[in-house]
Amino acid sequence: MKEKKFNCPVEATLSLIGGKYKPLILWHLRESSLHYMELQRLIPSATSKMLSQQLHDLENCGMVNREVIPEKPPKTIYSLTSFGQSIIPVIDAMCNWGIDYLEGQNLHTPCYMTSQ
């Protein structure tokens, strides 16, 4: 990240959390650590390959911690690092904006009830 040059702070932010599922992953990890399979159930539109790739990207930039529990079968648990926690106010703002947008369109989503 340090070698990249950005034209503006928004570009820097998007380089970290941009991606179809990264904001959703961060949203779901905001309150507790989750097993990989729990994330997969919470984000059903993500293929296993895409979810793994997005988690790997978030781990590489230091936002997500990955812990493998040596059980049979092994379990992988993901959690936010302190750096990952620092983006939660931005994700919360996105959620609040989305709620306002959905209400303006008279639409509601399943997660709408849990985000209030």
C-alpha atoms as a PDB file:
ATOM      1  CA  MET A   1       0.000   0.000   0.000  1.00  0.00           C
ATOM      2  CA  LYS A   2       2.781   2.442   0.861  1.00  0.00           C
ATOM      3  CA  GLU A   3       4.232   2.275  -2.656  1.00  0.00           C
ATOM      4  CA  LYS A   4       0.947   3.147  -4.350  1.00  0.00           C
ATOM      5  CA  LYS A   5       0.129   6.703  -5.267  1.00  0.00           C
ATOM      6  CA  PHE A   6      -3.399   7.967  -4.910  1.00  0.00           C
ATOM      7  CA  ASN A   7      -5.086  10.977  -6.439  1.00  0.00           C
ATOM      8  CA  CYS A   8      -7.387  11.461  -3.442  1.00  0.00           C
ATOM      9  CA  PRO A   9      -8.259   9.944  -0.056  1.00  0.00           C
ATOM     10  CA  VAL A  10     -11.421   8.315  -1.450  1.00  0.00           C
ATOM     11  CA  GLU A  11      -9.274   6.395  -3.927  1.00  0.00           C
ATOM     12  CA  ALA A  12      -7.060   5.181  -1.054  1.00  0.00           C
ATOM     13  CA  THR A  13     -10.125   4.040   0.916  1.00  0.00           C
ATOM     14  CA  LEU A  14     -11.597   2.229  -2.076  1.00  0.00           C
ATOM     15  CA  SER A  15      -8.288   0.491  -2.722  1.00  0.00           C
ATOM     16  CA  LEU A  16      -8.724  -1.162   0.687  1.00  0.00           C
ATOM     17  CA  ILE A  17     -12.463  -1.821   0.898  1.00  0.00           C
ATOM     18  CA  GLY A  18     -13.475  -1.711  -2.748  1.00  0.00           C
ATOM     19  CA  GLY A  19     -14.790  -4.984  -4.033  1.00  0.00           C
ATOM     20  CA  LYS A  20     -18.151  -6.622  -4.314  1.00  0.00           C
ATOM     21  CA  TYR A  21     -18.019  -8.346  -0.927  1.00  0.00           C
ATOM     22  CA  LYS A  22     -15.367  -6.581   1.180  1.00  0.00           C
ATOM     23  CA  PRO A  23     -17.781  -4.095   2.787  1.00  0.00           C
ATOM     24  CA  LEU A  24     -20.207  -6.951   3.539  1.00  0.00           C
ATOM     25  CA  ILE A  25     -17.449  -9.033   5.108  1.00  0.00           C
ATOM     26  CA  LEU A  26     -16.392  -6.082   7.272  1.00  0.00           C
ATOM     27  CA  TRP A  27     -20.039  -5.423   8.210  1.00  0.00           C
ATOM     28  CA  HIS A  28     -20.573  -9.006   9.360  1.00  0.00           C
ATOM     29  CA  LEU A  29     -17.309  -9.077  11.334  1.00  0.00           C
ATOM     30  CA  ARG A  30     -18.004  -5.776  13.114  1.00  0.00           C
ATOM     31  CA  GLU A  31     -19.411  -7.384  16.260  1.00  0.00           C
ATOM     32  CA  SER A  32     -17.800 -10.815  16.459  1.00  0.00           C
ATOM     33  CA  SER A  33     -15.404 -13.285  14.908  1.00  0.00           C
ATOM     34  CA  LEU A  34     -16.953 -15.677  12.415  1.00  0.00           C
ATOM     35  CA  HIS A  35     -16.087 -19.029  10.901  1.00  0.00           C
ATOM     36  CA  TYR A  36     -15.607 -19.107   7.148  1.00  0.00           C
ATOM     37  CA  MET A  37     -18.812 -21.145   6.720  1.00  0.00           C
ATOM     38  CA  GLU A  38     -20.782 -18.579   8.754  1.00  0.00           C
ATOM     39  CA  LEU A  39     -19.575 -15.836   6.417  1.00  0.00           C
ATOM     40  CA  GLN A  40     -20.530 -17.966   3.444  1.00  0.00           C
ATOM     41  CA  ARG A  41     -24.074 -18.385   4.833  1.00  0.00           C
ATOM     42  CA  LEU A  42     -24.351 -14.656   5.573  1.00  0.00           C
ATOM     43  CA  ILE A  43     -23.203 -13.708   2.049  1.00  0.00           C
ATOM     44  CA  PRO A  44     -24.904 -16.351  -0.112  1.00  0.00           C
ATOM     45  CA  SER A  45     -24.317 -14.509  -3.390  1.00  0.00           C
ATOM     46  CA  ALA A  46     -20.527 -14.808  -2.964  1.00  0.00           C
ATOM     47  CA  THR A  47     -18.957 -17.864  -4.511  1.00  0.00           C
ATOM     48  CA  SER A  48     -16.493 -19.717  -2.318  1.00  0.00           C
ATOM     49  CA  LYS A  49     -13.636 -18.584  -4.571  1.00  0.00           C
ATOM     50  CA  MET A  50     -14.694 -14.919  -4.474  1.00  0.00           C
ATOM     51  CA  LEU A  51     -15.259 -14.928  -0.715  1.00  0.00           C
ATOM     52  CA  SER A  52     -11.839 -16.505  -0.151  1.00  0.00           C
ATOM     53  CA  GLN A  53     -10.191 -13.968  -2.453  1.00  0.00           C
ATOM     54  CA  GLN A  54     -11.846 -10.984  -0.761  1.00  0.00           C
ATOM     55  CA  LEU A  55     -10.949 -12.324   2.711  1.00  0.00           C
ATOM     56  CA  HIS A  56      -7.369 -12.854   1.555  1.00  0.00           C
ATOM     57  CA  ASP A  57      -7.199  -9.248   0.278  1.00  0.00           C
ATOM     58  CA  LEU A  58      -8.566  -7.914   3.584  1.00  0.00           C
ATOM     59  CA  GLU A  59      -6.051 -10.043   5.478  1.00  0.00           C
ATOM     60  CA  ASN A  60      -3.165  -8.825   3.290  1.00  0.00           C
ATOM     61  CA  CYS A  61      -3.997  -5.165   3.922  1.00  0.00           C
ATOM     62  CA  GLY A  62      -4.218  -5.767   7.674  1.00  0.00           C
ATOM     63  CA  MET A  63      -7.963  -5.314   8.191  1.00  0.00           C
ATOM     64  CA  VAL A  64      -8.837  -8.936   8.933  1.00  0.00           C
ATOM     65  CA  ASN A  65      -7.126 -11.549  11.054  1.00  0.00           C
ATOM     66  CA  ARG A  66      -7.308 -15.197  10.003  1.00  0.00           C
ATOM     67  CA  GLU A  67      -6.919 -17.948  12.579  1.00  0.00           C
ATOM     68  CA  VAL A  68      -6.889 -21.650  11.744  1.00  0.00           C
ATOM     69  CA  ILE A  69      -8.107 -23.910  14.555  1.00  0.00           C
ATOM     70  CA  PRO A  70      -6.345 -27.277  14.236  1.00  0.00           C
ATOM     71  CA  GLU A  71      -9.399 -29.495  14.609  1.00  0.00           C
ATOM     72  CA  LYS A  72     -10.673 -32.214  12.354  1.00  0.00           C
ATOM     73  CA  PRO A  73     -11.797 -30.779  10.059  1.00  0.00           C
ATOM     74  CA  PRO A  74      -9.820 -27.547  10.575  1.00  0.00           C
ATOM     75  CA  LYS A  75     -11.859 -24.395  11.205  1.00  0.00           C
ATOM     76  CA  THR A  76     -10.894 -20.966   9.967  1.00  0.00           C
ATOM     77  CA  ILE A  77     -12.038 -18.000  12.037  1.00  0.00           C
ATOM     78  CA  TYR A  78     -11.936 -14.416  10.829  1.00  0.00           C
ATOM     79  CA  SER A  79     -11.979 -11.285  12.957  1.00  0.00           C
ATOM     80  CA  LEU A  80     -11.296  -7.588  12.525  1.00  0.00           C
ATOM     81  CA  THR A  81      -7.945  -6.174  13.504  1.00  0.00           C
ATOM     82  CA  SER A  82      -7.801  -2.774  15.193  1.00  0.00           C
ATOM     83  CA  PHE A  83      -7.133  -1.323  11.734  1.00  0.00           C
ATOM     84  CA  GLY A  84     -10.222  -3.149  10.447  1.00  0.00           C
ATOM     85  CA  GLN A  85     -12.261  -1.795  13.358  1.00  0.00           C
ATOM     86  CA  SER A  86     -11.276   1.730  12.315  1.00  0.00           C
ATOM     87  CA  ILE A  87     -13.332   1.434   9.093  1.00  0.00           C
ATOM     88  CA  ILE A  88     -16.550   0.464  10.898  1.00  0.00           C
ATOM     89  CA  PRO A  89     -17.807   4.078  11.233  1.00  0.00           C
ATOM     90  CA  VAL A  90     -17.545   4.333   7.426  1.00  0.00           C
ATOM     91  CA  ILE A  91     -19.418   1.044   6.977  1.00  0.00           C
ATOM     92  CA  ASP A  92     -22.042   2.224   9.498  1.00  0.00           C
ATOM     93  CA  ALA A  93     -22.460   5.448   7.501  1.00  0.00           C
ATOM     94  CA  MET A  94     -22.942   3.367   4.342  1.00  0.00           C
ATOM     95  CA  CYS A  95     -25.595   1.302   6.134  1.00  0.00           C
ATOM     96  CA  ASN A  96     -27.443   4.393   7.361  1.00  0.00           C
ATOM     97  CA  TRP A  97     -27.352   5.926   3.890  1.00  0.00           C
ATOM     98  CA  GLY A  98     -28.658   2.649   2.460  1.00  0.00           C
ATOM     99  CA  ILE A  99     -31.501   2.558   4.986  1.00  0.00           C
ATOM    100  CA  ASP A 100     -32.534   6.087   3.995  1.00  0.00           C
ATOM    101  CA  TYR A 101     -32.333   5.164   0.324  1.00  0.00           C
ATOM    102  CA  LEU A 102     -34.390   1.982   0.786  1.00  0.00           C
ATOM    103  CA  GLU A 103     -37.013   3.791   2.850  1.00  0.00           C
ATOM    104  CA  GLY A 104     -37.248   6.452   0.121  1.00  0.00           C
ATOM    105  CA  GLN A 105     -37.906   3.673  -2.384  1.00  0.00           C
ATOM    106  CA  ASN A 106     -40.292   1.931   0.037  1.00  0.00           C
ATOM    107  CA  LEU A 107     -38.031  -1.143  -0.016  1.00  0.00           C
ATOM    108  CA  HIS A 108     -36.734  -3.272   2.823  1.00  0.00           C
ATOM    109  CA  THR A 109     -34.141  -6.023   2.919  1.00  0.00           C
ATOM    110  CA  PRO A 110     -33.775  -8.961   5.343  1.00  0.00           C
ATOM    111  CA  CYS A 111     -30.763  -7.324   7.008  1.00  0.00           C
ATOM    112  CA  TYR A 112     -32.682  -4.058   7.387  1.00  0.00           C
ATOM    113  CA  MET A 113     -34.287  -5.314  10.580  1.00  0.00           C
ATOM    114  CA  THR A 114     -30.973  -6.324  12.178  1.00  0.00           C
ATOM    115  CA  SER A 115     -29.157  -3.084  11.324  1.00  0.00           C
ATOM    116  CA  GLN A 116     -31.448  -0.842  13.347  1.00  0.00           C
END
